[in-house]
Amino acid sequence: MNSWVSLLPPIIAIILAITTRQAYLSIFSGIVMGAVLLEGEVFAGITMSFDAVAVTFTSISMVKSLIFILMIGAIINILQQSGAINEAIILLTEQKKWIKSPRGAQLLTFIMGALMCLEGVGSMMMVGLVGQPLFAKHQLSKEKLAYIANSTGSPLAWLLPISGAGVFLTSLLNAQIDQGVLPGQPMSYVFNAIHYQFYTILVLLSVPVLALMKHDFPSKSPMTMTKDSVQTKDLSNSKAITVFILMLPIVILLISIFFIIVITGDGNPLKGNISDAIYWGGFIALIGSGLVYRLVGIAFSHYMNWVIAGFKQILPAVIILVLAFTLSNIIGQLGTGTYLASLLAANLPSEFVPAIIFVLGMTISFSTGSSGATVSILTPIAIPMAISLGLDVALVIGAVISGAVFGDQSSPISDSVIVASSAANCQPEQHFRTQLPFTLGFAALSFIGYIIVGSMS
């Protein structure tokens, strides 16, 4: 559909995202409009929009992505409910006495959040679980803990190809490959786009840098030891269970992913099938840790309750992925990206395109509070545009993700802001106010970076 009409689905999705601030409604409205345009009539289009969601489940890679995200939610909940985090803190602070200063408390909190890098929300929850008692002990502010949680979770998840966000991005790129827009393998684009995620890298590096500089945020009151700062355990015989056993879900997951990548790559991990590795790794982690937990006295029914509860907690991410994949398919059929690329090619210097995409991503994500929705809206538009203009596809992907991460981290209506604030036991508006100067500064530097690299490209 080589006309302005093909722009209607993403335009409607963006306008609704800004006005209603509802990611699900915005994306599904774009799906309905696209289906109506494809069918030529309203009733048939509405019917097709529901069928399009169902068709999404015919993709094996899509279904694997959904299952993996559910398993990540289960692993996060297992680590919380088993008391693994509490035991690790006791080991490092009281037994080994490795953490003795505010600087060490911040770095440990950051590292523990990085261990849960496979899912952004889980990483933020991990930072809160670890950080509250440590920050209370060293009289650090709640706002600083919230900043660490928010600057670790989503940014790190989007940087790592094996995370839930990485699988999400790979699935969107795979859709572009299936439609004949992109050549090659999706994972190669994911890897090449990592060093182009300027904002994402800057905000992530700011956490250890500020910790080493002994920087703390202004606060009405420092973190104090409360009931929320002390994490209780759900095991009656925990003294007989080591920290290593409690941390088995994440240990088994990472080890199994590595070995499967090596095996599928015939000894070369760079050539391995990462998609299958993380999918099978999730099963191996849940089954393996369940068997070990049973051997040390944890009832299987108890373990399964943790798993099911984890599935429920991560369900919103599954819904957004289904809608995002469906919208990507609809926009691809309409040829929106190709038309927009030809339109901009005649009226816009190509060197400014990465910077403009970055700002557009910032606007959408700040309005919706969702990085996933932003990436799903912009990816099927930005990639054909990059190809038509002769730009580096990885550069454009990096700009899309960086813009999406900014809003996800900075917007007062973002789930990340709310979760990070809750994890740190501080008010969301206080967290928003104290971190905004940093995020805006990093965004300005990133914008300049995209103009420079776009001109070189």
Protein backbone atom coordinates (compact mmCIF):
# COMPACT_ATOMS: atom_id res chain seq x y z
CA MET A 1 0.00 0.00 0.00
CA ASN A 2 2.29 2.73 -1.31
CA SER A 3 0.42 5.74 0.08
CA TRP A 4 -0.02 7.84 3.21
CA VAL A 5 -2.86 5.54 4.27
CA SER A 6 -0.31 2.90 5.30
CA LEU A 7 0.85 5.33 8.01
CA LEU A 8 -2.52 5.27 9.80
CA PRO A 9 -1.98 2.17 12.00
CA PRO A 10 1.28 3.37 13.62
CA ILE A 11 -0.02 6.96 13.79
CA ILE A 12 -3.14 5.85 15.62
CA ALA A 13 -1.08 3.65 17.92
CA ILE A 14 1.26 6.56 18.71
CA ILE A 15 -1.53 9.14 19.22
CA LEU A 16 -3.47 6.82 21.51
CA ALA A 17 -0.28 5.98 23.37
CA ILE A 18 0.31 9.68 24.04
CA THR A 19 -3.29 10.58 24.89
CA THR A 20 -4.49 7.48 26.75
CA ARG A 21 -1.13 6.23 28.10
CA GLN A 22 -2.43 2.70 27.65
CA ALA A 23 0.06 0.50 25.79
CA TYR A 24 -2.30 -2.45 25.24
CA LEU A 25 -5.14 -0.29 23.88
CA SER A 26 -2.77 1.66 21.66
CA ILE A 27 -1.17 -1.36 20.02
CA PHE A 28 -4.43 -3.24 19.51
CA SER A 29 -6.05 -0.15 17.97
CA GLY A 30 -3.19 -0.05 15.47
CA ILE A 31 -3.83 -3.73 14.71
CA VAL A 32 -7.53 -3.09 14.05
CA MET A 33 -6.85 -0.12 11.79
CA GLY A 34 -4.26 -2.08 9.81
CA ALA A 35 -6.62 -5.02 9.41
CA VAL A 36 -9.42 -2.73 8.21
CA LEU A 37 -7.11 -1.25 5.59
CA LEU A 38 -6.00 -4.69 4.42
CA GLU A 39 -9.56 -6.05 4.17
CA GLY A 40 -11.16 -2.90 2.75
CA GLU A 41 -14.16 -2.89 5.09
CA VAL A 42 -14.73 -2.37 8.79
CA PHE A 43 -16.44 -5.61 9.83
CA ALA A 44 -14.05 -7.85 7.92
CA GLY A 45 -11.14 -5.86 9.29
CA ILE A 46 -12.26 -6.25 12.90
CA THR A 47 -12.67 -9.98 12.36
CA MET A 48 -9.22 -10.17 10.79
CA SER A 49 -7.65 -8.28 13.70
CA PHE A 50 -8.71 -11.00 16.13
CA ASP A 51 -7.61 -13.70 13.71
CA ALA A 52 -4.26 -11.93 13.33
CA VAL A 53 -3.63 -12.32 17.05
CA ALA A 54 -4.35 -16.04 16.77
CA VAL A 55 -2.11 -16.38 13.71
CA THR A 56 0.74 -15.03 15.83
CA PHE A 57 0.73 -18.29 17.78
CA THR A 58 1.47 -20.25 14.62
CA SER A 59 5.04 -18.96 14.77
CA ILE A 60 7.28 -21.42 16.62
CA SER A 61 9.78 -18.72 17.55
CA MET A 62 6.98 -16.58 18.97
CA VAL A 63 5.61 -19.37 21.15
CA LYS A 64 9.12 -20.19 22.41
CA SER A 65 9.59 -16.54 23.37
CA LEU A 66 6.35 -16.54 25.35
CA ILE A 67 7.25 -19.73 27.20
CA PHE A 68 10.73 -18.47 28.02
CA ILE A 69 9.40 -15.22 29.49
CA LEU A 70 6.99 -17.22 31.65
CA MET A 71 9.88 -19.36 32.89
CA ILE A 72 11.91 -16.25 33.75
CA GLY A 73 9.01 -15.06 35.89
CA ALA A 74 8.98 -18.43 37.67
CA ILE A 75 12.74 -18.35 38.35
CA ILE A 76 12.53 -14.84 39.81
CA ASN A 77 9.76 -15.86 42.17
CA ILE A 78 11.62 -19.03 43.22
CA LEU A 79 14.68 -16.98 44.19
CA GLN A 80 12.49 -14.64 46.21
CA GLN A 81 10.38 -17.22 47.98
CA SER A 82 13.19 -19.67 48.76
CA GLY A 83 15.18 -17.10 50.72
CA ALA A 84 18.16 -17.31 48.36
CA ILE A 85 18.67 -13.55 48.36
CA ASN A 86 18.57 -13.22 52.14
CA GLU A 87 21.10 -16.02 52.59
CA ALA A 88 23.45 -14.45 50.05
CA ILE A 89 23.37 -11.12 51.89
CA ILE A 90 24.11 -12.77 55.22
CA LEU A 91 27.02 -14.65 53.69
CA LEU A 92 28.62 -11.55 52.14
CA THR A 93 28.02 -9.04 54.92
CA GLU A 94 28.09 -11.02 58.18
CA GLN A 95 30.06 -14.20 57.52
CA LYS A 96 32.62 -13.15 54.91
CA LYS A 97 32.44 -9.44 55.82
CA TRP A 98 33.26 -8.42 52.25
CA ILE A 99 30.84 -5.48 52.30
CA LYS A 100 31.99 -2.87 54.82
CA SER A 101 31.30 0.54 53.20
CA PRO A 102 28.53 2.46 51.38
CA ARG A 103 30.52 2.08 48.17
CA GLY A 104 30.61 -1.70 48.59
CA ALA A 105 26.90 -1.80 49.43
CA GLN A 106 26.01 0.00 46.20
CA LEU A 107 28.30 -2.13 44.05
CA LEU A 108 26.99 -5.38 45.54
CA THR A 109 23.41 -4.23 44.97
CA PHE A 110 24.28 -3.44 41.35
CA ILE A 111 25.99 -6.81 40.83
CA MET A 112 23.10 -8.76 42.32
CA GLY A 113 20.70 -6.90 40.04
CA ALA A 114 22.93 -7.76 37.09
CA LEU A 115 22.65 -11.47 37.97
CA MET A 116 18.95 -11.22 37.12
CA CYS A 117 19.70 -9.55 33.80
CA LEU A 118 17.46 -11.95 31.90
CA GLU A 119 14.39 -9.94 32.84
CA GLY A 120 14.22 -6.24 33.69
CA VAL A 121 11.47 -6.34 36.32
CA GLY A 122 13.15 -9.27 38.04
CA SER A 123 16.43 -7.36 38.15
CA MET A 124 14.75 -4.36 39.81
CA MET A 125 13.09 -6.59 42.34
CA MET A 126 16.45 -8.22 43.04
CA VAL A 127 18.04 -4.81 43.62
CA GLY A 128 15.32 -3.96 46.12
CA LEU A 129 15.63 -7.26 47.96
CA VAL A 130 19.39 -6.92 48.28
CA GLY A 131 19.65 -3.17 48.63
CA GLN A 132 17.13 -2.35 51.35
CA PRO A 133 19.01 -3.95 54.26
CA LEU A 134 22.40 -2.81 52.91
CA PHE A 135 21.30 0.78 52.33
CA ALA A 136 19.65 0.91 55.75
CA LYS A 137 22.87 -0.26 57.39
CA HIS A 138 24.98 2.39 55.63
CA GLN A 139 22.41 5.22 55.79
CA LEU A 140 22.06 5.61 52.03
CA SER A 141 18.99 7.22 50.45
CA LYS A 142 15.98 5.39 49.11
CA GLU A 143 16.16 7.53 45.98
CA LYS A 144 19.64 6.25 45.18
CA LEU A 145 18.46 2.65 45.58
CA ALA A 146 15.54 3.34 43.25
CA TYR A 147 17.94 4.83 40.69
CA ILE A 148 20.19 1.75 40.84
CA ALA A 149 17.18 -0.52 40.36
CA ASN A 150 15.81 1.47 37.43
CA SER A 151 19.20 1.98 35.76
CA THR A 152 20.13 -1.69 36.02
CA GLY A 153 16.96 -3.60 35.13
CA SER A 154 15.66 -2.40 31.77
CA PRO A 155 18.98 -1.09 30.33
CA LEU A 156 20.87 -4.31 31.02
CA ALA A 157 18.01 -6.46 29.76
CA TRP A 158 17.97 -4.62 26.40
CA LEU A 159 21.74 -4.86 26.07
CA LEU A 160 21.89 -8.66 26.47
CA PRO A 161 20.70 -10.87 23.59
CA ILE A 162 19.91 -13.76 25.98
CA SER A 163 17.49 -11.71 28.12
CA GLY A 164 13.74 -11.59 27.79
CA ALA A 165 14.06 -8.21 26.06
CA GLY A 166 16.71 -9.70 23.77
CA VAL A 167 14.36 -12.50 22.79
CA PHE A 168 11.62 -9.91 22.24
CA LEU A 169 13.87 -7.92 19.89
CA THR A 170 15.06 -11.05 18.11
CA SER A 171 11.45 -12.06 17.47
CA LEU A 172 10.63 -8.66 15.95
CA LEU A 173 13.71 -8.82 13.72
CA ASN A 174 12.87 -12.38 12.73
CA ALA A 175 9.49 -11.12 11.54
CA GLN A 176 11.29 -8.62 9.29
CA ILE A 177 13.45 -11.45 7.92
CA ASP A 178 10.41 -13.66 7.30
CA GLN A 179 8.83 -10.80 5.34
CA GLY A 180 11.95 -10.48 3.17
CA VAL A 181 12.85 -7.02 4.49
CA LEU A 182 16.08 -8.09 6.20
CA PRO A 183 18.63 -10.66 5.03
CA GLY A 184 20.67 -12.93 7.28
CA GLN A 185 20.11 -13.98 10.90
CA PRO A 186 18.35 -11.80 13.51
CA MET A 187 20.93 -12.47 16.21
CA SER A 188 23.70 -10.86 14.16
CA TYR A 189 21.75 -7.59 14.10
CA VAL A 190 21.09 -7.83 17.85
CA PHE A 191 24.82 -8.21 18.58
CA ASN A 192 25.85 -5.45 16.16
CA ALA A 193 23.33 -3.02 17.68
CA ILE A 194 24.72 -3.34 21.22
CA HIS A 195 27.43 -0.67 20.90
CA TYR A 196 24.94 1.69 19.24
CA GLN A 197 22.68 1.77 22.30
CA PHE A 198 24.26 5.02 23.47
CA TYR A 199 21.72 6.02 26.12
CA THR A 200 21.37 2.48 27.43
CA ILE A 201 25.13 2.12 27.90
CA LEU A 202 25.56 5.55 29.51
CA VAL A 203 22.82 5.07 32.09
CA LEU A 204 24.03 1.57 32.98
CA LEU A 205 27.64 2.69 33.44
CA SER A 206 26.49 5.57 35.62
CA VAL A 207 25.57 3.17 38.44
CA PRO A 208 29.08 1.87 39.28
CA VAL A 209 30.61 5.28 38.47
CA LEU A 210 28.35 7.12 40.93
CA ALA A 211 28.97 4.40 43.51
CA LEU A 212 32.75 4.78 43.22
CA MET A 213 32.37 8.55 43.47
CA LYS A 214 30.44 8.04 46.74
CA HIS A 215 27.54 9.99 45.26
CA ASP A 216 24.17 9.88 46.99
CA PHE A 217 20.85 11.45 46.03
CA PRO A 218 19.23 14.18 48.15
CA SER A 219 16.60 12.63 50.36
CA LYS A 220 14.14 13.69 52.99
CA SER A 221 15.36 10.76 55.05
CA PRO A 222 17.89 7.96 54.51
CA MET A 223 16.90 4.33 54.28
CA THR A 224 15.96 2.99 57.71
CA MET A 225 15.62 -0.57 58.89
CA THR A 226 11.94 -1.49 58.63
CA LYS A 227 9.97 -4.65 58.12
CA ASP A 228 10.28 -4.03 54.38
CA SER A 229 14.08 -4.02 54.76
CA VAL A 230 14.21 -7.49 56.26
CA GLN A 231 13.43 -10.30 53.88
CA THR A 232 11.83 -13.29 55.53
CA LYS A 233 12.36 -16.82 54.25
CA ASP A 234 9.77 -19.39 53.37
CA LEU A 235 11.82 -22.40 54.49
CA SER A 236 11.77 -23.96 57.94
CA ASN A 237 15.00 -25.90 57.47
CA SER A 238 16.97 -23.16 55.68
CA LYS A 239 20.02 -23.54 57.91
CA ALA A 240 20.72 -26.88 56.29
CA ILE A 241 20.47 -25.42 52.79
CA THR A 242 23.47 -23.58 51.36
CA VAL A 243 23.33 -20.38 49.35
CA PHE A 244 24.58 -22.25 46.30
CA ILE A 245 21.62 -24.65 46.40
CA LEU A 246 19.15 -21.81 46.80
CA MET A 247 20.67 -19.98 43.82
CA LEU A 248 20.55 -23.09 41.61
CA PRO A 249 17.76 -21.84 39.28
CA ILE A 250 19.88 -19.00 37.92
CA VAL A 251 23.11 -21.05 38.04
CA ILE A 252 21.62 -23.96 36.09
CA LEU A 253 19.99 -21.57 33.60
CA LEU A 254 23.23 -19.76 32.73
CA ILE A 255 25.34 -22.92 32.56
CA SER A 256 22.83 -24.81 30.42
CA ILE A 257 22.46 -21.87 28.02
CA PHE A 258 26.23 -21.74 27.54
CA PHE A 259 26.60 -25.47 26.90
CA ILE A 260 23.68 -25.60 24.48
CA ILE A 261 25.11 -22.66 22.53
CA VAL A 262 28.48 -24.44 22.31
CA ILE A 263 26.87 -27.72 21.24
CA THR A 264 24.61 -26.17 18.59
CA GLY A 265 27.54 -24.14 17.30
CA ASP A 266 29.78 -27.23 16.93
CA GLY A 267 32.13 -25.88 19.57
CA ASN A 268 31.87 -22.21 18.56
CA PRO A 269 29.46 -20.31 20.88
CA LEU A 270 29.26 -17.41 18.41
CA LYS A 271 27.64 -19.74 15.88
CA GLY A 272 25.31 -21.46 18.33
CA ASN A 273 21.52 -21.27 18.35
CA ILE A 274 20.89 -18.80 21.18
CA SER A 275 17.11 -18.87 20.74
CA ASP A 276 16.94 -22.63 21.32
CA ALA A 277 19.57 -22.39 24.07
CA ILE A 278 17.61 -20.00 26.25
CA TYR A 279 14.37 -21.87 25.55
CA TRP A 280 15.70 -25.28 26.60
CA GLY A 281 17.81 -23.67 29.33
CA GLY A 282 14.64 -22.44 31.01
CA PHE A 283 13.18 -25.95 31.14
CA ILE A 284 16.43 -27.42 32.40
CA ALA A 285 16.70 -24.75 35.12
CA LEU A 286 13.16 -25.26 36.40
CA ILE A 287 13.26 -29.06 36.31
CA GLY A 288 16.82 -29.36 37.63
CA SER A 289 16.39 -26.94 40.52
CA GLY A 290 13.02 -28.51 41.37
CA LEU A 291 14.65 -31.93 41.73
CA VAL A 292 17.50 -30.58 43.86
CA TYR A 293 15.12 -28.60 46.06
CA ARG A 294 13.10 -31.77 46.62
CA LEU A 295 16.24 -33.64 47.71
CA VAL A 296 16.98 -31.01 50.37
CA GLY A 297 13.48 -31.18 51.82
CA ILE A 298 11.32 -28.70 49.89
CA ALA A 299 7.99 -30.23 48.93
CA PHE A 300 7.35 -30.46 45.20
CA SER A 301 3.87 -28.97 45.65
CA HIS A 302 5.48 -26.01 47.43
CA TYR A 303 7.95 -25.54 44.60
CA MET A 304 5.19 -25.71 41.96
CA ASN A 305 3.22 -23.01 43.80
CA TRP A 306 6.25 -20.74 43.47
CA VAL A 307 6.47 -21.53 39.74
CA ILE A 308 2.78 -20.84 39.05
CA ALA A 309 2.88 -17.60 41.04
CA GLY A 310 5.88 -16.52 38.97
CA PHE A 311 3.95 -17.22 35.76
CA LYS A 312 1.14 -14.93 36.93
CA GLN A 313 3.50 -12.09 37.85
CA ILE A 314 5.11 -12.02 34.41
CA LEU A 315 1.86 -12.35 32.42
CA PRO A 316 1.67 -8.64 31.40
CA ALA A 317 4.95 -9.02 29.51
CA VAL A 318 3.48 -11.98 27.62
CA ILE A 319 0.43 -9.97 26.58
CA ILE A 320 2.49 -7.07 25.27
CA LEU A 321 4.67 -9.46 23.27
CA VAL A 322 1.67 -11.06 21.54
CA LEU A 323 0.19 -7.69 20.60
CA ALA A 324 3.56 -6.33 19.50
CA PHE A 325 4.24 -9.29 17.21
CA THR A 326 0.78 -8.98 15.67
CA LEU A 327 1.19 -5.26 14.98
CA SER A 328 4.59 -5.92 13.43
CA ASN A 329 3.03 -8.42 11.01
CA ILE A 330 0.19 -6.06 10.07
CA ILE A 331 2.51 -3.09 9.44
CA GLY A 332 4.77 -5.35 7.41
CA GLN A 333 1.89 -6.40 5.15
CA LEU A 334 0.90 -2.76 4.63
CA GLY A 335 4.45 -1.75 3.67
CA THR A 336 4.39 1.21 6.05
CA GLY A 337 8.13 1.25 6.59
CA THR A 338 8.96 1.23 2.90
CA TYR A 339 6.57 4.10 2.15
CA LEU A 340 7.82 6.18 5.06
CA ALA A 341 11.40 5.56 4.01
CA SER A 342 10.74 6.79 0.47
CA LEU A 343 8.92 9.82 1.86
CA LEU A 344 11.73 10.77 4.21
CA ALA A 345 14.44 10.00 1.67
CA ALA A 346 13.22 12.88 -0.48
CA ASN A 347 12.77 15.39 2.35
CA LEU A 348 15.22 14.53 5.14
CA PRO A 349 19.01 14.23 5.18
CA SER A 350 19.74 10.62 6.01
CA GLU A 351 22.43 11.53 8.56
CA PHE A 352 19.73 12.92 10.90
CA VAL A 353 17.52 9.82 10.75
CA PRO A 354 19.12 7.92 13.70
CA ALA A 355 18.84 11.00 15.95
CA ILE A 356 15.23 11.61 14.91
CA ILE A 357 14.33 7.96 15.53
CA PHE A 358 15.95 8.25 18.97
CA VAL A 359 13.83 11.31 19.84
CA LEU A 360 10.68 9.66 18.49
CA GLY A 361 11.39 6.61 20.63
CA MET A 362 11.88 8.87 23.66
CA THR A 363 8.54 10.57 23.00
CA ILE A 364 6.54 7.38 22.58
CA SER A 365 8.12 5.56 25.51
CA PHE A 366 7.81 8.58 27.82
CA SER A 367 4.12 8.84 26.92
CA THR A 368 3.36 5.14 27.31
CA GLY A 369 5.92 4.17 29.95
CA SER A 370 6.65 1.03 27.93
CA SER A 371 9.88 0.17 26.15
CA GLY A 372 8.37 -2.98 24.63
CA ALA A 373 5.48 -1.09 23.04
CA THR A 374 7.85 1.55 21.67
CA VAL A 375 10.22 -0.98 20.12
CA SER A 376 7.31 -2.90 18.62
CA ILE A 377 5.87 0.26 17.01
CA LEU A 378 9.14 1.65 15.67
CA THR A 379 11.01 -1.50 14.58
CA PRO A 380 8.87 -2.39 11.52
CA ILE A 381 9.09 1.27 10.44
CA ALA A 382 12.72 2.05 11.17
CA ILE A 383 14.30 -1.05 9.60
CA PRO A 384 12.85 -0.67 6.07
CA MET A 385 13.65 3.04 6.32
CA ALA A 386 17.28 2.29 7.17
CA ILE A 387 17.60 -0.16 4.29
CA SER A 388 16.07 2.25 1.76
CA LEU A 389 18.28 5.14 2.93
CA GLY A 390 21.41 3.02 2.97
CA LEU A 391 21.94 3.40 6.72
CA ASP A 392 23.48 0.86 9.05
CA VAL A 393 20.54 -1.24 10.29
CA ALA A 394 22.29 -1.93 13.59
CA LEU A 395 22.68 1.83 14.19
CA VAL A 396 18.96 2.41 13.69
CA ILE A 397 18.07 -0.52 15.96
CA GLY A 398 20.33 0.92 18.64
CA ALA A 399 18.59 4.30 18.33
CA VAL A 400 15.16 2.67 18.65
CA ILE A 401 16.14 0.76 21.80
CA SER A 402 17.89 3.74 23.40
CA GLY A 403 14.85 5.95 22.91
CA ALA A 404 12.59 3.23 24.28
CA VAL A 405 14.77 2.71 27.36
CA PHE A 406 14.78 6.45 28.16
CA GLY A 407 11.01 6.65 28.48
CA ASP A 408 10.74 3.33 30.23
CA GLN A 409 13.19 4.56 32.86
CA SER A 410 12.10 8.20 33.09
CA SER A 411 8.34 8.38 32.61
CA PRO A 412 6.32 8.87 35.82
CA ILE A 413 3.72 6.42 34.50
CA SER A 414 6.27 3.75 33.62
CA ASP A 415 6.04 0.35 35.25
CA SER A 416 9.79 0.49 35.72
CA VAL A 417 9.58 3.73 37.74
CA ILE A 418 6.80 2.29 39.89
CA VAL A 419 8.54 -1.06 40.42
CA ALA A 420 11.90 0.57 41.17
CA SER A 421 10.28 2.94 43.66
CA SER A 422 8.44 0.09 45.32
CA ALA A 423 11.62 -2.00 45.49
CA ALA A 424 13.41 0.91 47.20
CA ASN A 425 10.44 1.75 49.44
CA CYS A 426 10.34 5.38 48.26
CA GLN A 427 7.71 7.58 46.61
CA PRO A 428 7.54 7.34 42.78
CA GLU A 429 7.40 11.11 42.34
CA GLN A 430 10.53 11.54 44.47
CA HIS A 431 12.36 8.92 42.41
CA PHE A 432 11.19 10.59 39.19
CA ARG A 433 12.35 14.03 40.34
CA THR A 434 15.80 13.00 41.56
CA GLN A 435 16.77 10.88 38.56
CA LEU A 436 15.43 13.14 35.77
CA PRO A 437 18.51 15.43 35.60
CA PHE A 438 20.69 12.38 34.99
CA THR A 439 18.44 10.76 32.38
CA LEU A 440 17.95 14.02 30.47
CA GLY A 441 21.70 14.64 30.49
CA PHE A 442 22.42 11.17 29.12
CA ALA A 443 19.70 11.63 26.50
CA ALA A 444 21.28 14.89 25.31
CA LEU A 445 24.68 13.23 24.97
CA SER A 446 23.11 10.32 23.10
CA PHE A 447 21.30 12.66 20.68
CA ILE A 448 24.60 14.34 19.82
CA GLY A 449 26.20 10.92 19.43
CA TYR A 450 23.55 9.78 16.94
CA ILE A 451 24.00 12.92 14.85
CA ILE A 452 27.77 12.39 14.75
CA VAL A 453 27.60 8.66 13.96
CA GLY A 454 24.74 9.24 11.48
CA SER A 455 26.86 11.75 9.61
CA MET A 456 29.80 9.33 9.53
CA SER A 457 27.54 6.50 8.36
